[in-house]
Amino acid sequence: MADETFVVEVAYAKPEEQVILEVQASDGMTLMDTIAASGITERFPEIDLENTRFGIFGKAAKKDARLKAGDRVEIYRPLIADPKEARKKRAAEGKQLKKGGGKAV
């Protein structure tokens, strides 16, 4: 009996470009198998598969996760700032504006 094939997507986004590629997958294919089959690392050589985080429809996924029909593999870029630190900085700046009577300090 031949393997059943199905379509999955591989998504990657940069600030200036977003890409979603369709890949023909078969039973037993992993997240990494699908990324390799998509050829996305040839198009975006900056993707570091060893240190990159991945997800399936917004939920964190491991490299060996098995895919099913309709899944969308997402390749995440590293954060440029820690969200907690950025929030603290904005809060501190807001307090300084209030102390200064609304004038920028």
PDB file of N, CA and C in Angstrom:
ATOM      1  N   MET A   1       0.848  -1.182   0.000  1.00  0.00           N
ATOM      2  CA  MET A   1       0.000   0.000   0.000  1.00  0.00           C
ATOM      3  C   MET A   1       0.896   1.248   0.000  1.00  0.00           C
ATOM      4  N   ALA A   2       0.635   2.147  -0.914  1.00  0.00           N
ATOM      5  CA  ALA A   2       1.452   3.358  -1.028  1.00  0.00           C
ATOM      6  C   ALA A   2       1.143   4.321   0.110  1.00  0.00           C
ATOM      7  N   ASP A   3       2.162   5.115   0.478  1.00  0.00           N
ATOM      8  CA  ASP A   3       1.956   6.137   1.509  1.00  0.00           C
ATOM      9  C   ASP A   3       0.937   7.165   1.032  1.00  0.00           C
ATOM     10  N   GLU A   4       0.080   7.576   1.953  1.00  0.00           N
ATOM     11  CA  GLU A   4      -0.852   8.659   1.672  1.00  0.00           C
ATOM     12  C   GLU A   4      -0.070   9.969   1.692  1.00  0.00           C
ATOM     13  N   THR A   5      -0.329  10.825   0.725  1.00  0.00           N
ATOM     14  CA  THR A   5       0.310  12.140   0.739  1.00  0.00           C
ATOM     15  C   THR A   5      -0.741  13.193   1.049  1.00  0.00           C
ATOM     16  N   PHE A   6      -0.263  14.298   1.614  1.00  0.00           N
ATOM     17  CA  PHE A   6      -1.135  15.406   1.990  1.00  0.00           C
ATOM     18  C   PHE A   6      -0.325  16.681   1.943  1.00  0.00           C
ATOM     19  N   VAL A   7      -1.019  17.800   1.994  1.00  0.00           N
ATOM     20  CA  VAL A   7      -0.356  19.105   1.894  1.00  0.00           C
ATOM     21  C   VAL A   7      -0.186  19.704   3.283  1.00  0.00           C
ATOM     22  N   VAL A   8       1.025  20.225   3.550  1.00  0.00           N
ATOM     23  CA  VAL A   8       1.307  21.031   4.736  1.00  0.00           C
ATOM     24  C   VAL A   8       1.982  22.311   4.246  1.00  0.00           C
ATOM     25  N   GLU A   9       2.068  23.286   5.118  1.00  0.00           N
ATOM     26  CA  GLU A   9       2.704  24.552   4.760  1.00  0.00           C
ATOM     27  C   GLU A   9       3.903  24.802   5.654  1.00  0.00           C
ATOM     28  N   VAL A  10       4.876  25.517   5.120  1.00  0.00           N
ATOM     29  CA  VAL A  10       6.028  25.987   5.878  1.00  0.00           C
ATOM     30  C   VAL A  10       6.024  27.505   5.765  1.00  0.00           C
ATOM     31  N   ALA A  11       6.010  28.189   6.923  1.00  0.00           N
ATOM     32  CA  ALA A  11       5.913  29.647   6.940  1.00  0.00           C
ATOM     33  C   ALA A  11       7.144  30.256   7.602  1.00  0.00           C
ATOM     34  N   TYR A  12       7.601  31.362   7.021  1.00  0.00           N
ATOM     35  CA  TYR A  12       8.720  32.124   7.581  1.00  0.00           C
ATOM     36  C   TYR A  12       8.485  33.586   7.243  1.00  0.00           C
ATOM     37  N   ALA A  13       8.785  34.458   8.181  1.00  0.00           N
ATOM     38  CA  ALA A  13       8.559  35.885   7.938  1.00  0.00           C
ATOM     39  C   ALA A  13       9.743  36.707   8.422  1.00  0.00           C
ATOM     40  N   LYS A  14      10.102  37.680   7.590  1.00  0.00           N
ATOM     41  CA  LYS A  14      11.055  38.718   7.942  1.00  0.00           C
ATOM     42  C   LYS A  14      10.262  40.015   7.906  1.00  0.00           C
ATOM     43  N   PRO A  15      10.783  41.091   8.480  1.00  0.00           N
ATOM     44  CA  PRO A  15      10.007  42.336   8.467  1.00  0.00           C
ATOM     45  C   PRO A  15       9.581  42.765   7.061  1.00  0.00           C
ATOM     46  N   GLU A  16      10.420  42.508   6.080  1.00  0.00           N
ATOM     47  CA  GLU A  16      10.123  42.978   4.729  1.00  0.00           C
ATOM     48  C   GLU A  16       9.562  41.898   3.804  1.00  0.00           C
ATOM     49  N   GLU A  17       9.470  40.648   4.263  1.00  0.00           N
ATOM     50  CA  GLU A  17       9.033  39.571   3.385  1.00  0.00           C
ATOM     51  C   GLU A  17       8.443  38.425   4.198  1.00  0.00           C
ATOM     52  N   GLN A  18       7.307  37.919   3.752  1.00  0.00           N
ATOM     53  CA  GLN A  18       6.669  36.766   4.381  1.00  0.00           C
ATOM     54  C   GLN A  18       6.440  35.702   3.308  1.00  0.00           C
ATOM     55  N   VAL A  19       6.686  34.442   3.687  1.00  0.00           N
ATOM     56  CA  VAL A  19       6.564  33.356   2.722  1.00  0.00           C
ATOM     57  C   VAL A  19       5.822  32.190   3.359  1.00  0.00           C
ATOM     58  N   ILE A  20       4.889  31.614   2.604  1.00  0.00           N
ATOM     59  CA  ILE A  20       4.247  30.365   2.991  1.00  0.00           C
ATOM     60  C   ILE A  20       4.377  29.423   1.796  1.00  0.00           C
ATOM     61  N   LEU A  21       5.066  28.309   2.011  1.00  0.00           N
ATOM     62  CA  LEU A  21       5.307  27.336   0.948  1.00  0.00           C
ATOM     63  C   LEU A  21       4.486  26.077   1.199  1.00  0.00           C
ATOM     64  N   GLU A  22       3.867  25.547   0.160  1.00  0.00           N
ATOM     65  CA  GLU A  22       3.153  24.280   0.277  1.00  0.00           C
ATOM     66  C   GLU A  22       4.120  23.140   0.008  1.00  0.00           C
ATOM     67  N   VAL A  23       3.978  22.076   0.807  1.00  0.00           N
ATOM     68  CA  VAL A  23       4.847  20.911   0.683  1.00  0.00           C
ATOM     69  C   VAL A  23       3.971  19.667   0.653  1.00  0.00           C
ATOM     70  N   GLN A  24       4.281  18.750  -0.269  1.00  0.00           N
ATOM     71  CA  GLN A  24       3.621  17.453  -0.277  1.00  0.00           C
ATOM     72  C   GLN A  24       4.315  16.588   0.770  1.00  0.00           C
ATOM     73  N   ALA A  25       3.559  16.166   1.761  1.00  0.00           N
ATOM     74  CA  ALA A  25       4.115  15.365   2.849  1.00  0.00           C
ATOM     75  C   ALA A  25       3.478  13.977   2.829  1.00  0.00           C
ATOM     76  N   SER A  26       4.103  13.069   3.539  1.00  0.00           N
ATOM     77  CA  SER A  26       3.550  11.718   3.661  1.00  0.00           C
ATOM     78  C   SER A  26       3.554  11.310   5.121  1.00  0.00           C
ATOM     79  N   ASP A  27       2.792  10.277   5.431  1.00  0.00           N
ATOM     80  CA  ASP A  27       2.706   9.803   6.813  1.00  0.00           C
ATOM     81  C   ASP A  27       4.101   9.579   7.378  1.00  0.00           C
ATOM     82  N   GLY A  28       4.307  10.044   8.596  1.00  0.00           N
ATOM     83  CA  GLY A  28       5.583   9.837   9.273  1.00  0.00           C
ATOM     84  C   GLY A  28       6.580  10.968   9.086  1.00  0.00           C
ATOM     85  N   MET A  29       6.290  11.925   8.199  1.00  0.00           N
ATOM     86  CA  MET A  29       7.223  13.037   8.021  1.00  0.00           C
ATOM     87  C   MET A  29       7.244  13.904   9.269  1.00  0.00           C
ATOM     88  N   THR A  30       8.445  14.322   9.633  1.00  0.00           N
ATOM     89  CA  THR A  30       8.602  15.186  10.801  1.00  0.00           C
ATOM     90  C   THR A  30       8.657  16.640  10.365  1.00  0.00           C
ATOM     91  N   LEU A  31       8.627  17.502  11.343  1.00  0.00           N
ATOM     92  CA  LEU A  31       8.751  18.933  11.109  1.00  0.00           C
ATOM     93  C   LEU A  31      10.030  19.224  10.320  1.00  0.00           C
ATOM     94  N   MET A  32      11.138  18.638  10.719  1.00  0.00           N
ATOM     95  CA  MET A  32      12.416  18.893  10.034  1.00  0.00           C
ATOM     96  C   MET A  32      12.429  18.311   8.622  1.00  0.00           C
ATOM     97  N   ASP A  33      11.801  17.150   8.424  1.00  0.00           N
ATOM     98  CA  ASP A  33      11.705  16.579   7.077  1.00  0.00           C
ATOM     99  C   ASP A  33      10.973  17.542   6.150  1.00  0.00           C
ATOM    100  N   THR A  34       9.912  18.133   6.682  1.00  0.00           N
ATOM    101  CA  THR A  34       9.087  19.044   5.887  1.00  0.00           C
ATOM    102  C   THR A  34       9.850  20.317   5.555  1.00  0.00           C
ATOM    103  N   ILE A  35      10.593  20.851   6.528  1.00  0.00           N
ATOM    104  CA  ILE A  35      11.393  22.054   6.267  1.00  0.00           C
ATOM    105  C   ILE A  35      12.426  21.762   5.185  1.00  0.00           C
ATOM    106  N   ALA A  36      13.075  20.597   5.269  1.00  0.00           N
ATOM    107  CA  ALA A  36      14.063  20.232   4.251  1.00  0.00           C
ATOM    108  C   ALA A  36      13.408  20.110   2.877  1.00  0.00           C
ATOM    109  N   ALA A  37      12.239  19.487   2.818  1.00  0.00           N
ATOM    110  CA  ALA A  37      11.537  19.300   1.545  1.00  0.00           C
ATOM    111  C   ALA A  37      11.072  20.628   0.950  1.00  0.00           C
ATOM    112  N   SER A  38      10.834  21.624   1.793  1.00  0.00           N
ATOM    113  CA  SER A  38      10.344  22.919   1.307  1.00  0.00           C
ATOM    114  C   SER A  38      11.410  23.713   0.568  1.00  0.00           C
ATOM    115  N   GLY A  39      12.687  23.477   0.893  1.00  0.00           N
ATOM    116  CA  GLY A  39      13.777  24.242   0.287  1.00  0.00           C
ATOM    117  C   GLY A  39      13.901  25.657   0.832  1.00  0.00           C
ATOM    118  N   ILE A  40      13.246  25.942   1.935  1.00  0.00           N
ATOM    119  CA  ILE A  40      13.225  27.306   2.464  1.00  0.00           C
ATOM    120  C   ILE A  40      14.600  27.787   2.913  1.00  0.00           C
ATOM    121  N   THR A  41      15.465  26.873   3.341  1.00  0.00           N
ATOM    122  CA  THR A  41      16.793  27.311   3.794  1.00  0.00           C
ATOM    123  C   THR A  41      17.684  27.732   2.628  1.00  0.00           C
ATOM    124  N   GLU A  42      17.364  27.314   1.411  1.00  0.00           N
ATOM    125  CA  GLU A  42      18.104  27.818   0.251  1.00  0.00           C
ATOM    126  C   GLU A  42      17.676  29.259  -0.039  1.00  0.00           C
ATOM    127  N   ARG A  43      16.411  29.527   0.160  1.00  0.00           N
ATOM    128  CA  ARG A  43      15.884  30.879  -0.087  1.00  0.00           C
ATOM    129  C   ARG A  43      16.282  31.846   1.018  1.00  0.00           C
ATOM    130  N   PHE A  44      16.350  31.338   2.254  1.00  0.00           N
ATOM    131  CA  PHE A  44      16.704  32.154   3.421  1.00  0.00           C
ATOM    132  C   PHE A  44      17.856  31.470   4.168  1.00  0.00           C
ATOM    133  N   PRO A  45      19.083  31.620   3.688  1.00  0.00           N
ATOM    134  CA  PRO A  45      20.213  30.921   4.306  1.00  0.00           C
ATOM    135  C   PRO A  45      20.506  31.361   5.736  1.00  0.00           C
ATOM    136  N   GLU A  46      19.939  32.481   6.180  1.00  0.00           N
ATOM    137  CA  GLU A  46      20.169  32.932   7.561  1.00  0.00           C
ATOM    138  C   GLU A  46      19.436  32.077   8.593  1.00  0.00           C
ATOM    139  N   ILE A  47      18.529  31.207   8.162  1.00  0.00           N
ATOM    140  CA  ILE A  47      17.809  30.343   9.104  1.00  0.00           C
ATOM    141  C   ILE A  47      18.795  29.332   9.673  1.00  0.00           C
ATOM    142  N   ASP A  48      18.972  29.369  10.980  1.00  0.00           N
ATOM    143  CA  ASP A  48      19.874  28.455  11.689  1.00  0.00           C
ATOM    144  C   ASP A  48      19.026  27.336  12.304  1.00  0.00           C
ATOM    145  N   LEU A  49      18.925  26.216  11.600  1.00  0.00           N
ATOM    146  CA  LEU A  49      18.035  25.141  12.039  1.00  0.00           C
ATOM    147  C   LEU A  49      18.416  24.544  13.388  1.00  0.00           C
ATOM    148  N   GLU A  50      19.666  24.683  13.781  1.00  0.00           N
ATOM    149  CA  GLU A  50      20.093  24.134  15.077  1.00  0.00           C
ATOM    150  C   GLU A  50      19.574  24.961  16.253  1.00  0.00           C
ATOM    151  N   ASN A  51      19.477  26.273  16.081  1.00  0.00           N
ATOM    152  CA  ASN A  51      19.127  27.151  17.201  1.00  0.00           C
ATOM    153  C   ASN A  51      17.793  27.870  17.038  1.00  0.00           C
ATOM    154  N   THR A  52      17.045  27.523  16.014  1.00  0.00           N
ATOM    155  CA  THR A  52      15.773  28.175  15.751  1.00  0.00           C
ATOM    156  C   THR A  52      14.652  27.438  16.468  1.00  0.00           C
ATOM    157  N   ARG A  53      13.621  28.199  16.845  1.00  0.00           N
ATOM    158  CA  ARG A  53      12.425  27.598  17.436  1.00  0.00           C
ATOM    159  C   ARG A  53      11.374  27.442  16.348  1.00  0.00           C
ATOM    160  N   PHE A  54      10.521  26.442  16.535  1.00  0.00           N
ATOM    161  CA  PHE A  54       9.505  26.114  15.549  1.00  0.00           C
ATOM    162  C   PHE A  54       8.148  25.981  16.223  1.00  0.00           C
ATOM    163  N   GLY A  55       7.123  26.076  15.415  1.00  0.00           N
ATOM    164  CA  GLY A  55       5.777  25.868  15.921  1.00  0.00           C
ATOM    165  C   GLY A  55       4.902  25.279  14.837  1.00  0.00           C
ATOM    166  N   ILE A  56       3.753  24.779  15.270  1.00  0.00           N
ATOM    167  CA  ILE A  56       2.715  24.327  14.352  1.00  0.00           C
ATOM    168  C   ILE A  56       1.465  25.097  14.735  1.00  0.00           C
ATOM    169  N   PHE A  57       1.035  25.979  13.854  1.00  0.00           N
ATOM    170  CA  PHE A  57      -0.109  26.861  14.103  1.00  0.00           C
ATOM    171  C   PHE A  57       0.009  27.606  15.432  1.00  0.00           C
ATOM    172  N   GLY A  58       1.178  28.205  15.685  1.00  0.00           N
ATOM    173  CA  GLY A  58       1.359  29.063  16.856  1.00  0.00           C
ATOM    174  C   GLY A  58       1.671  28.344  18.150  1.00  0.00           C
ATOM    175  N   LYS A  59       1.726  27.034  18.138  1.00  0.00           N
ATOM    176  CA  LYS A  59       2.088  26.279  19.346  1.00  0.00           C
ATOM    177  C   LYS A  59       3.485  25.716  19.152  1.00  0.00           C
ATOM    178  N   ALA A  60       4.325  25.875  20.166  1.00  0.00           N
ATOM    179  CA  ALA A  60       5.696  25.385  20.082  1.00  0.00           C
ATOM    180  C   ALA A  60       5.699  23.903  19.711  1.00  0.00           C
ATOM    181  N   ALA A  61       6.637  23.536  18.855  1.00  0.00           N
ATOM    182  CA  ALA A  61       6.742  22.149  18.406  1.00  0.00           C
ATOM    183  C   ALA A  61       8.200  21.733  18.364  1.00  0.00           C
ATOM    184  N   LYS A  62       8.414  20.450  18.598  1.00  0.00           N
ATOM    185  CA  LYS A  62       9.768  19.898  18.536  1.00  0.00           C
ATOM    186  C   LYS A  62      10.101  19.500  17.104  1.00  0.00           C
ATOM    187  N   LYS A  63      11.398  19.387  16.846  1.00  0.00           N
ATOM    188  CA  LYS A  63      11.875  19.058  15.507  1.00  0.00           C
ATOM    189  C   LYS A  63      11.372  17.705  15.013  1.00  0.00           C
ATOM    190  N   ASP A  64      11.109  16.781  15.939  1.00  0.00           N
ATOM    191  CA  ASP A  64      10.668  15.448  15.534  1.00  0.00           C
ATOM    192  C   ASP A  64       9.146  15.288  15.547  1.00  0.00           C
ATOM    193  N   ALA A  65       8.411  16.405  15.670  1.00  0.00           N
ATOM    194  CA  ALA A  65       6.947  16.347  15.668  1.00  0.00           C
ATOM    195  C   ALA A  65       6.461  15.792  14.328  1.00  0.00           C
ATOM    196  N   ARG A  66       5.513  14.861  14.380  1.00  0.00           N
ATOM    197  CA  ARG A  66       4.921  14.290  13.169  1.00  0.00           C
ATOM    198  C   ARG A  66       3.805  15.216  12.686  1.00  0.00           C
ATOM    199  N   LEU A  67       3.730  15.383  11.387  1.00  0.00           N
ATOM    200  CA  LEU A  67       2.750  16.301  10.812  1.00  0.00           C
ATOM    201  C   LEU A  67       1.541  15.556  10.283  1.00  0.00           C
ATOM    202  N   LYS A  68       0.439  16.313  10.220  1.00  0.00           N
ATOM    203  CA  LYS A  68      -0.784  15.767   9.624  1.00  0.00           C
ATOM    204  C   LYS A  68      -1.297  16.756   8.582  1.00  0.00           C
ATOM    205  N   ALA A  69      -2.223  16.306   7.787  1.00  0.00           N
ATOM    206  CA  ALA A  69      -2.759  17.114   6.692  1.00  0.00           C
ATOM    207  C   ALA A  69      -3.213  18.479   7.194  1.00  0.00           C
ATOM    208  N   GLY A  70      -2.809  19.511   6.460  1.00  0.00           N
ATOM    209  CA  GLY A  70      -3.243  20.869   6.775  1.00  0.00           C
ATOM    210  C   GLY A  70      -2.402  21.604   7.798  1.00  0.00           C
ATOM    211  N   ASP A  71      -1.409  20.955   8.405  1.00  0.00           N
ATOM    212  CA  ASP A  71      -0.559  21.633   9.390  1.00  0.00           C
ATOM    213  C   ASP A  71       0.233  22.753   8.723  1.00  0.00           C
ATOM    214  N   ARG A  72       0.557  23.787   9.521  1.00  0.00           N
ATOM    215  CA  ARG A  72       1.432  24.867   9.055  1.00  0.00           C
ATOM    216  C   ARG A  72       2.625  24.926   9.997  1.00  0.00           C
ATOM    217  N   VAL A  73       3.794  24.601   9.482  1.00  0.00           N
ATOM    218  CA  VAL A  73       5.040  24.675  10.242  1.00  0.00           C
ATOM    219  C   VAL A  73       5.503  26.120  10.212  1.00  0.00           C
ATOM    220  N   GLU A  74       5.791  26.680  11.373  1.00  0.00           N
ATOM    221  CA  GLU A  74       6.248  28.063  11.464  1.00  0.00           C
ATOM    222  C   GLU A  74       7.684  28.085  11.963  1.00  0.00           C
ATOM    223  N   ILE A  75       8.515  28.833  11.277  1.00  0.00           N
ATOM    224  CA  ILE A  75       9.921  28.995  11.653  1.00  0.00           C
ATOM    225  C   ILE A  75      10.032  30.380  12.273  1.00  0.00           C
ATOM    226  N   TYR A  76      10.444  30.423  13.538  1.00  0.00           N
ATOM    227  CA  TYR A  76      10.479  31.691  14.265  1.00  0.00           C
ATOM    228  C   TYR A  76      11.871  32.305  14.240  1.00  0.00           C
ATOM    229  N   ARG A  77      11.905  33.627  14.056  1.00  0.00           N
ATOM    230  CA  ARG A  77      13.161  34.367  14.148  1.00  0.00           C
ATOM    231  C   ARG A  77      13.431  34.668  15.613  1.00  0.00           C
ATOM    232  N   PRO A  78      14.696  34.872  15.998  1.00  0.00           N
ATOM    233  CA  PRO A  78      14.990  35.235  17.396  1.00  0.00           C
ATOM    234  C   PRO A  78      14.435  36.622  17.715  1.00  0.00           C
ATOM    235  N   LEU A  79      14.055  36.815  18.967  1.00  0.00           N
ATOM    236  CA  LEU A  79      13.568  38.120  19.403  1.00  0.00           C
ATOM    237  C   LEU A  79      14.722  39.115  19.418  1.00  0.00           C
ATOM    238  N   ILE A  80      14.440  40.361  19.053  1.00  0.00           N
ATOM    239  CA  ILE A  80      15.493  41.375  19.092  1.00  0.00           C
ATOM    240  C   ILE A  80      15.533  42.068  20.446  1.00  0.00           C
ATOM    241  N   ALA A  81      14.484  41.903  21.245  1.00  0.00           N
ATOM    242  CA  ALA A  81      14.449  42.496  22.582  1.00  0.00           C
ATOM    243  C   ALA A  81      13.640  41.577  23.496  1.00  0.00           C
ATOM    244  N   ASP A  82      14.000  41.537  24.751  1.00  0.00           N
ATOM    245  CA  ASP A  82      13.247  40.774  25.741  1.00  0.00           C
ATOM    246  C   ASP A  82      11.945  41.523  26.013  1.00  0.00           C
ATOM    247  N   PRO A  83      10.786  40.910  25.772  1.00  0.00           N
ATOM    248  CA  PRO A  83       9.515  41.615  25.961  1.00  0.00           C
ATOM    249  C   PRO A  83       9.325  42.172  27.370  1.00  0.00           C
ATOM    250  N   LYS A  84       9.783  41.457  28.379  1.00  0.00           N
ATOM    251  CA  LYS A  84       9.632  41.949  29.763  1.00  0.00           C
ATOM    252  C   LYS A  84      10.471  43.205  29.979  1.00  0.00           C
ATOM    253  N   GLU A  85      11.694  43.201  29.487  1.00  0.00           N
ATOM    254  CA  GLU A  85      12.567  44.363  29.647  1.00  0.00           C
ATOM    255  C   GLU A  85      12.031  45.558  28.868  1.00  0.00           C
ATOM    256  N   ALA A  86      11.511  45.318  27.680  1.00  0.00           N
ATOM    257  CA  ALA A  86      10.958  46.417  26.880  1.00  0.00           C
ATOM    258  C   ALA A  86       9.756  47.040  27.588  1.00  0.00           C
ATOM    259  N   ARG A  87       8.914  46.210  28.183  1.00  0.00           N
ATOM    260  CA  ARG A  87       7.750  46.713  28.911  1.00  0.00           C
ATOM    261  C   ARG A  87       8.179  47.534  30.123  1.00  0.00           C
ATOM    262  N   LYS A  88       9.187  47.050  30.856  1.00  0.00           N
ATOM    263  CA  LYS A  88       9.708  47.797  32.018  1.00  0.00           C
ATOM    264  C   LYS A  88      10.254  49.157  31.585  1.00  0.00           C
ATOM    265  N   LYS A  89      10.967  49.181  30.470  1.00  0.00           N
ATOM    266  CA  LYS A  89      11.548  50.427  29.972  1.00  0.00           C
ATOM    267  C   LYS A  89      10.448  51.424  29.599  1.00  0.00           C
ATOM    268  N   ARG A  90       9.400  50.950  28.921  1.00  0.00           N
ATOM    269  CA  ARG A  90       8.293  51.841  28.551  1.00  0.00           C
ATOM    270  C   ARG A  90       7.596  52.382  29.797  1.00  0.00           C
ATOM    271  N   ALA A  91       7.420  51.531  30.814  1.00  0.00           N
ATOM    272  CA  ALA A  91       6.773  51.966  32.053  1.00  0.00           C
ATOM    273  C   ALA A  91       7.614  53.024  32.745  1.00  0.00           C
ATOM    274  N   ALA A  92       8.935  52.826  32.784  1.00  0.00           N
ATOM    275  CA  ALA A  92       9.820  53.802  33.426  1.00  0.00           C
ATOM    276  C   ALA A  92       9.796  55.130  32.670  1.00  0.00           C
ATOM    277  N   GLU A  93       9.775  55.082  31.348  1.00  0.00           N
ATOM    278  CA  GLU A  93       9.718  56.307  30.551  1.00  0.00           C
ATOM    279  C   GLU A  93       8.402  57.040  30.794  1.00  0.00           C
ATOM    280  N   GLY A  94       7.321  56.304  30.929  1.00  0.00           N
ATOM    281  CA  GLY A  94       6.020  56.913  31.204  1.00  0.00           C
ATOM    282  C   GLY A  94       6.000  57.613  32.544  1.00  0.00           C
ATOM    283  N   LYS A  95       6.638  57.034  33.562  1.00  0.00           N
ATOM    284  CA  LYS A  95       6.704  57.653  34.885  1.00  0.00           C
ATOM    285  C   LYS A  95       7.507  58.950  34.822  1.00  0.00           C
ATOM    286  N   GLN A  96       8.589  58.954  34.053  1.00  0.00           N
ATOM    287  CA  GLN A  96       9.414  60.168  33.942  1.00  0.00           C
ATOM    288  C   GLN A  96       8.629  61.275  33.248  1.00  0.00           C
ATOM    289  N   LEU A  97       7.825  60.935  32.246  1.00  0.00           N
ATOM    290  CA  LEU A  97       7.018  61.950  31.571  1.00  0.00           C
ATOM    291  C   LEU A  97       6.016  62.576  32.543  1.00  0.00           C
ATOM    292  N   LYS A  98       5.422  61.756  33.401  1.00  0.00           N
ATOM    293  CA  LYS A  98       4.447  62.264  34.372  1.00  0.00           C
ATOM    294  C   LYS A  98       5.113  63.192  35.378  1.00  0.00           C
ATOM    295  N   LYS A  99       6.324  62.827  35.828  1.00  0.00           N
ATOM    296  CA  LYS A  99       7.051  63.657  36.780  1.00  0.00           C
ATOM    297  C   LYS A  99       7.435  65.000  36.176  1.00  0.00           C
ATOM    298  N   GLY A 100       7.724  65.007  34.891  1.00  0.00           N
ATOM    299  CA  GLY A 100       8.171  66.224  34.200  1.00  0.00           C
ATOM    300  C   GLY A 100       7.030  67.103  33.751  1.00  0.00           C
ATOM    301  N   GLY A 101       5.809  66.789  34.165  1.00  0.00           N
ATOM    302  CA  GLY A 101       4.668  67.617  33.774  1.00  0.00           C
ATOM    303  C   GLY A 101       4.294  67.453  32.311  1.00  0.00           C
ATOM    304  N   GLY A 102       4.596  66.271  31.761  1.00  0.00           N
ATOM    305  CA  GLY A 102       4.226  66.028  30.376  1.00  0.00           C
ATOM    306  C   GLY A 102       5.290  66.435  29.377  1.00  0.00           C
ATOM    307  N   LYS A 103       6.397  66.998  29.842  1.00  0.00           N
ATOM    308  CA  LYS A 103       7.481  67.388  28.946  1.00  0.00           C
ATOM    309  C   LYS A 103       8.429  66.225  28.777  1.00  0.00           C
ATOM    310  N   ALA A 104       8.946  66.061  27.614  1.00  0.00           N
ATOM    311  CA  ALA A 104       9.948  65.027  27.373  1.00  0.00           C
ATOM    312  C   ALA A 104      11.224  65.384  28.105  1.00  0.00           C
ATOM    313  N   VAL A 105      11.818  64.406  28.740  1.00  0.00           N
ATOM    314  CA  VAL A 105      13.039  64.642  29.522  1.00  0.00           C
ATOM    315  C   VAL A 105      14.250  64.277  28.701  1.00  0.00           C
TER     316      VAL A 105
END
